[in-house]
């Protein structure tokens, strides 16, 4: 049975990245986040990564855990072996790679942003 396009489930289950499925998944994610963030403060799991990232809570406990989690993820990426880094803009920005390919891709990306901002 062929997958039906324009559904978030097709995006998730069949890994379809067509515009219709991507848009359906984006809308589903927005709905889920809106529901989570509408919860009262006392129902949020404070002091957890989920409280910070999914519920959008920035109380002191959630912020501390969220910052530590992001730092841990960044440090893990920086330990990735050179031959496993996706070279280009993501290599420069996410992995801290400064090879010629990553440097050139980042330079082109920044120039594109600058032009878009000026337009």
N, C-alpha and C. Protein backbone atom coordinates (compact mmCIF):
# COMPACT_ATOMS: atom_id res chain seq x y z
N UNK A 1 0.84 -1.18 0.00
CA UNK A 1 0.00 0.00 0.00
C UNK A 1 0.88 1.24 0.00
N UNK A 2 0.64 2.15 -0.91
CA UNK A 2 1.44 3.37 -1.05
C UNK A 2 1.05 4.37 0.04
N UNK A 3 2.02 5.10 0.56
CA UNK A 3 1.71 6.09 1.59
C UNK A 3 0.91 7.26 1.02
N UNK A 4 0.04 7.83 1.84
CA UNK A 4 -0.75 8.99 1.45
C UNK A 4 0.03 10.25 1.81
N UNK A 5 0.26 11.09 0.82
CA UNK A 5 1.04 12.31 1.06
C UNK A 5 0.20 13.40 1.72
N UNK A 6 0.88 14.29 2.42
CA UNK A 6 0.21 15.39 3.10
C UNK A 6 -0.19 15.05 4.51
N UNK A 7 0.41 13.99 5.06
CA UNK A 7 0.11 13.57 6.44
C UNK A 7 1.39 13.55 7.27
N UNK A 8 1.26 13.90 8.52
CA UNK A 8 2.42 13.87 9.42
C UNK A 8 2.90 12.44 9.62
N UNK A 9 1.98 11.49 9.59
CA UNK A 9 2.37 10.08 9.78
C UNK A 9 3.22 9.58 8.61
N UNK A 10 2.98 10.10 7.41
CA UNK A 10 3.79 9.71 6.26
C UNK A 10 5.20 10.27 6.42
N UNK A 11 5.28 11.47 6.96
CA UNK A 11 6.58 12.09 7.23
C UNK A 11 7.36 11.24 8.24
N UNK A 12 6.70 10.83 9.31
CA UNK A 12 7.36 10.07 10.38
C UNK A 12 7.62 8.62 10.02
N UNK A 13 6.61 7.93 9.53
CA UNK A 13 6.72 6.49 9.31
C UNK A 13 7.43 6.10 8.02
N UNK A 14 7.21 6.89 6.96
CA UNK A 14 7.78 6.55 5.65
C UNK A 14 8.98 7.44 5.29
N UNK A 15 9.30 8.39 6.17
CA UNK A 15 10.43 9.31 5.97
C UNK A 15 10.27 10.13 4.69
N UNK A 16 9.03 10.43 4.31
CA UNK A 16 8.77 11.23 3.13
C UNK A 16 9.04 12.70 3.46
N UNK A 17 9.78 13.38 2.60
CA UNK A 17 10.13 14.78 2.85
C UNK A 17 9.60 15.71 1.76
N UNK A 18 8.52 15.28 1.11
CA UNK A 18 7.90 16.17 0.11
C UNK A 18 7.31 17.37 0.85
N UNK A 19 7.00 18.44 0.12
CA UNK A 19 6.50 19.67 0.74
C UNK A 19 5.22 19.45 1.54
N UNK A 20 4.31 18.64 1.01
CA UNK A 20 3.02 18.42 1.69
C UNK A 20 3.21 17.69 3.02
N UNK A 21 4.04 16.65 3.02
CA UNK A 21 4.27 15.89 4.26
C UNK A 21 5.07 16.71 5.27
N UNK A 22 6.04 17.48 4.79
CA UNK A 22 6.84 18.33 5.68
C UNK A 22 5.95 19.37 6.34
N UNK A 23 5.07 19.99 5.57
CA UNK A 23 4.16 20.99 6.12
C UNK A 23 3.19 20.36 7.13
N UNK A 24 2.68 19.18 6.83
CA UNK A 24 1.77 18.49 7.76
C UNK A 24 2.48 18.18 9.07
N UNK A 25 3.73 17.75 8.99
CA UNK A 25 4.50 17.44 10.19
C UNK A 25 4.78 18.71 10.99
N UNK A 26 5.10 19.81 10.29
CA UNK A 26 5.38 21.08 10.97
C UNK A 26 4.15 21.55 11.74
N UNK A 27 2.98 21.44 11.12
CA UNK A 27 1.73 21.84 11.79
C UNK A 27 1.43 20.96 12.99
N UNK A 28 1.67 19.64 12.85
CA UNK A 28 1.44 18.73 13.97
C UNK A 28 2.36 19.08 15.14
N UNK A 29 3.61 19.36 14.85
CA UNK A 29 4.56 19.72 15.91
C UNK A 29 4.15 21.02 16.60
N UNK A 30 3.65 21.98 15.82
CA UNK A 30 3.19 23.24 16.41
C UNK A 30 2.01 23.00 17.35
N UNK A 31 1.09 22.12 16.94
CA UNK A 31 -0.07 21.81 17.79
C UNK A 31 0.36 21.15 19.10
N UNK A 32 1.27 20.20 18.99
CA UNK A 32 1.75 19.48 20.19
C UNK A 32 2.41 20.46 21.15
N UNK A 33 3.29 21.34 20.61
CA UNK A 33 3.97 22.31 21.46
C UNK A 33 2.98 23.27 22.11
N UNK A 34 1.98 23.71 21.35
CA UNK A 34 0.98 24.63 21.89
C UNK A 34 0.22 23.99 23.04
N UNK A 35 -0.13 22.71 22.90
CA UNK A 35 -0.83 22.00 23.98
C UNK A 35 0.04 21.88 25.22
N UNK A 36 1.32 21.54 25.01
CA UNK A 36 2.23 21.39 26.14
C UNK A 36 2.44 22.72 26.86
N UNK A 37 2.61 23.78 26.10
CA UNK A 37 2.90 25.08 26.69
C UNK A 37 1.68 25.74 27.31
N UNK A 38 0.50 25.20 27.04
CA UNK A 38 -0.72 25.74 27.64
C UNK A 38 -0.98 25.17 29.04
N UNK A 39 -0.18 24.17 29.43
CA UNK A 39 -0.38 23.57 30.75
C UNK A 39 -0.04 24.56 31.86
N UNK A 40 -0.75 24.47 32.98
CA UNK A 40 -0.44 25.33 34.12
C UNK A 40 0.97 25.06 34.65
N UNK A 41 1.56 26.08 35.25
CA UNK A 41 2.93 26.02 35.74
C UNK A 41 3.17 24.83 36.67
N UNK A 42 2.21 24.50 37.52
CA UNK A 42 2.40 23.42 38.50
C UNK A 42 2.31 22.02 37.89
N UNK A 43 1.92 21.91 36.61
CA UNK A 43 1.85 20.61 35.94
C UNK A 43 3.07 20.32 35.06
N UNK A 44 3.99 21.27 34.99
CA UNK A 44 5.20 21.09 34.18
C UNK A 44 6.23 20.32 35.00
N UNK A 45 6.91 19.34 34.39
CA UNK A 45 7.96 18.60 35.12
C UNK A 45 9.22 19.46 35.25
N UNK A 46 9.29 20.22 36.32
CA UNK A 46 10.40 21.16 36.51
C UNK A 46 11.71 20.44 36.80
N UNK A 47 12.80 21.08 36.40
CA UNK A 47 14.12 20.52 36.63
C UNK A 47 14.46 19.39 35.68
N UNK A 48 13.76 19.35 34.52
CA UNK A 48 14.02 18.30 33.52
C UNK A 48 14.29 18.96 32.17
N UNK A 49 14.95 18.22 31.31
CA UNK A 49 15.20 18.71 29.96
C UNK A 49 13.87 18.91 29.24
N UNK A 50 12.91 18.04 29.48
CA UNK A 50 11.59 18.15 28.86
C UNK A 50 10.90 19.44 29.29
N UNK A 51 11.00 19.78 30.56
CA UNK A 51 10.40 21.02 31.05
C UNK A 51 10.94 22.23 30.30
N UNK A 52 12.23 22.20 30.03
CA UNK A 52 12.88 23.33 29.34
C UNK A 52 12.58 23.33 27.85
N UNK A 53 12.79 22.18 27.18
CA UNK A 53 12.69 22.17 25.72
C UNK A 53 11.27 22.01 25.20
N UNK A 54 10.47 21.13 25.78
CA UNK A 54 9.13 20.88 25.26
C UNK A 54 8.08 21.83 25.83
N UNK A 55 8.15 22.10 27.13
CA UNK A 55 7.15 22.96 27.75
C UNK A 55 7.54 24.43 27.68
N UNK A 56 8.80 24.71 27.34
CA UNK A 56 9.24 26.10 27.22
C UNK A 56 9.38 26.81 28.55
N UNK A 57 9.57 26.03 29.62
CA UNK A 57 9.71 26.63 30.95
C UNK A 57 11.14 27.12 31.14
N UNK A 58 11.28 28.34 31.63
CA UNK A 58 12.60 28.89 31.87
C UNK A 58 12.77 29.29 33.33
N UNK A 59 12.15 28.52 34.22
CA UNK A 59 12.40 28.74 35.63
C UNK A 59 13.86 28.35 35.90
N UNK A 60 14.37 28.70 37.04
CA UNK A 60 15.78 28.47 37.33
C UNK A 60 16.17 26.99 37.21
N UNK A 61 15.33 26.09 37.73
CA UNK A 61 15.64 24.65 37.69
C UNK A 61 15.66 24.12 36.25
N UNK A 62 14.67 24.48 35.46
CA UNK A 62 14.60 24.01 34.07
C UNK A 62 15.71 24.62 33.23
N UNK A 63 16.00 25.89 33.45
CA UNK A 63 17.04 26.56 32.69
C UNK A 63 18.41 25.94 32.96
N UNK A 64 18.66 25.59 34.20
CA UNK A 64 19.93 24.97 34.57
C UNK A 64 20.11 23.62 33.87
N UNK A 65 19.06 22.80 33.91
CA UNK A 65 19.12 21.48 33.27
C UNK A 65 19.18 21.61 31.75
N UNK A 66 18.40 22.52 31.19
CA UNK A 66 18.39 22.72 29.74
C UNK A 66 19.74 23.19 29.23
N UNK A 67 20.36 24.12 29.93
CA UNK A 67 21.67 24.62 29.54
C UNK A 67 22.71 23.51 29.61
N UNK A 68 22.67 22.71 30.67
CA UNK A 68 23.62 21.60 30.81
C UNK A 68 23.44 20.58 29.69
N UNK A 69 22.18 20.31 29.32
CA UNK A 69 21.90 19.35 28.26
C UNK A 69 22.43 19.85 26.91
N UNK A 70 22.20 21.11 26.61
CA UNK A 70 22.69 21.68 25.36
C UNK A 70 24.22 21.68 25.32
N UNK A 71 24.83 21.99 26.44
CA UNK A 71 26.30 21.98 26.52
C UNK A 71 26.84 20.57 26.28
N UNK A 72 26.18 19.58 26.87
CA UNK A 72 26.58 18.18 26.70
C UNK A 72 26.46 17.74 25.24
N UNK A 73 25.36 18.12 24.59
CA UNK A 73 25.18 17.78 23.17
C UNK A 73 26.26 18.42 22.31
N UNK A 74 26.56 19.69 22.59
CA UNK A 74 27.58 20.40 21.82
C UNK A 74 28.95 19.75 22.02
N UNK A 75 29.29 19.40 23.26
CA UNK A 75 30.57 18.77 23.55
C UNK A 75 30.69 17.41 22.87
N UNK A 76 29.58 16.67 22.83
CA UNK A 76 29.57 15.37 22.16
C UNK A 76 29.85 15.51 20.66
N UNK A 77 29.20 16.52 20.05
CA UNK A 77 29.41 16.76 18.63
C UNK A 77 30.86 17.11 18.33
N UNK A 78 31.47 17.86 19.23
CA UNK A 78 32.86 18.29 18.99
C UNK A 78 33.83 17.12 19.08
N UNK A 79 33.41 16.00 19.67
CA UNK A 79 34.27 14.82 19.77
C UNK A 79 34.11 13.88 18.57
N UNK A 80 33.25 14.26 17.62
CA UNK A 80 33.02 13.44 16.43
C UNK A 80 34.29 13.38 15.58
N UNK A 81 34.69 12.18 15.16
CA UNK A 81 35.88 12.06 14.30
C UNK A 81 35.73 12.87 13.01
N UNK A 82 36.84 13.42 12.53
CA UNK A 82 36.84 14.30 11.36
C UNK A 82 36.16 13.67 10.15
N UNK A 83 36.38 12.39 9.93
CA UNK A 83 35.81 11.75 8.73
C UNK A 83 34.30 11.49 8.85
N UNK A 84 33.71 11.72 10.03
CA UNK A 84 32.27 11.51 10.22
C UNK A 84 31.49 12.82 10.28
N UNK A 85 32.19 13.94 10.19
CA UNK A 85 31.53 15.25 10.23
C UNK A 85 30.88 15.53 8.89
N UNK A 86 29.61 16.00 8.88
CA UNK A 86 28.99 16.39 7.61
C UNK A 86 29.55 17.76 7.21
N UNK A 87 30.56 17.76 6.35
CA UNK A 87 31.25 19.00 6.02
C UNK A 87 30.35 19.94 5.22
N UNK A 88 30.47 21.21 5.52
CA UNK A 88 29.63 22.25 4.94
C UNK A 88 29.19 23.16 6.08
N UNK A 89 28.07 23.83 5.92
CA UNK A 89 27.61 24.78 6.93
C UNK A 89 27.37 24.12 8.28
N UNK A 90 26.75 22.92 8.29
CA UNK A 90 26.49 22.27 9.58
C UNK A 90 27.79 21.82 10.22
N UNK A 91 28.79 21.47 9.42
CA UNK A 91 30.08 21.08 9.98
C UNK A 91 30.73 22.25 10.70
N UNK A 92 30.63 23.42 10.10
CA UNK A 92 31.24 24.61 10.69
C UNK A 92 30.51 25.03 11.96
N UNK A 93 29.18 25.12 11.85
CA UNK A 93 28.39 25.64 12.97
C UNK A 93 28.17 24.64 14.09
N UNK A 94 27.86 23.40 13.77
CA UNK A 94 27.50 22.42 14.79
C UNK A 94 28.67 21.63 15.33
N UNK A 95 29.67 21.40 14.50
CA UNK A 95 30.77 20.54 14.92
C UNK A 95 32.07 21.30 15.16
N UNK A 96 32.08 22.59 14.85
CA UNK A 96 33.27 23.39 15.08
C UNK A 96 34.39 23.09 14.10
N UNK A 97 34.06 22.48 12.95
CA UNK A 97 35.08 22.14 11.96
C UNK A 97 35.50 23.41 11.21
N UNK A 98 36.79 23.59 11.02
CA UNK A 98 37.29 24.77 10.33
C UNK A 98 38.08 24.41 9.08
N UNK A 99 37.74 23.27 8.46
CA UNK A 99 38.40 22.89 7.21
C UNK A 99 37.97 23.88 6.12
N UNK A 100 38.62 23.84 4.96
CA UNK A 100 38.33 24.78 3.89
C UNK A 100 36.89 24.67 3.40
N UNK A 101 36.38 23.46 3.30
CA UNK A 101 35.00 23.25 2.83
C UNK A 101 34.00 23.88 3.79
N UNK A 102 34.15 23.60 5.07
CA UNK A 102 33.22 24.14 6.08
C UNK A 102 33.34 25.66 6.17
N UNK A 103 34.57 26.17 6.11
CA UNK A 103 34.79 27.61 6.19
C UNK A 103 34.13 28.32 5.00
N UNK A 104 34.31 27.78 3.80
CA UNK A 104 33.72 28.38 2.59
C UNK A 104 32.19 28.33 2.64
N UNK A 105 31.64 27.21 3.09
CA UNK A 105 30.18 27.07 3.18
C UNK A 105 29.60 28.06 4.18
N UNK A 106 30.27 28.24 5.30
CA UNK A 106 29.79 29.18 6.31
C UNK A 106 29.89 30.62 5.80
N UNK A 107 30.95 30.92 5.09
CA UNK A 107 31.13 32.27 4.55
C UNK A 107 30.01 32.58 3.54
N UNK A 108 29.70 31.62 2.67
CA UNK A 108 28.63 31.79 1.69
C UNK A 108 27.28 31.94 2.39
N UNK A 109 27.06 31.17 3.44
CA UNK A 109 25.81 31.24 4.21
C UNK A 109 25.64 32.61 4.85
N UNK A 110 26.70 33.11 5.48
CA UNK A 110 26.63 34.44 6.12
C UNK A 110 26.38 35.54 5.10
N UNK A 111 27.02 35.42 3.93
CA UNK A 111 26.82 36.40 2.87
C UNK A 111 25.37 36.38 2.38
N UNK A 112 24.82 35.18 2.25
CA UNK A 112 23.41 35.04 1.83
C UNK A 112 22.47 35.68 2.86
N UNK A 113 22.74 35.47 4.12
CA UNK A 113 21.92 36.09 5.18
C UNK A 113 22.01 37.62 5.12
N UNK A 114 23.21 38.11 4.91
CA UNK A 114 23.43 39.55 4.85
C UNK A 114 22.66 40.16 3.68
N UNK A 115 22.69 39.48 2.51
CA UNK A 115 21.95 39.96 1.34
C UNK A 115 20.45 39.92 1.58
N UNK A 116 19.97 38.86 2.21
CA UNK A 116 18.54 38.73 2.48
C UNK A 116 18.07 39.81 3.45
N UNK A 117 18.91 40.13 4.41
CA UNK A 117 18.57 41.16 5.40
C UNK A 117 18.51 42.54 4.74
N UNK A 118 19.41 42.77 3.78
CA UNK A 118 19.47 44.06 3.09
C UNK A 118 18.29 44.25 2.13
N UNK A 119 17.74 43.14 1.62
CA UNK A 119 16.65 43.22 0.64
C UNK A 119 15.34 43.61 1.25
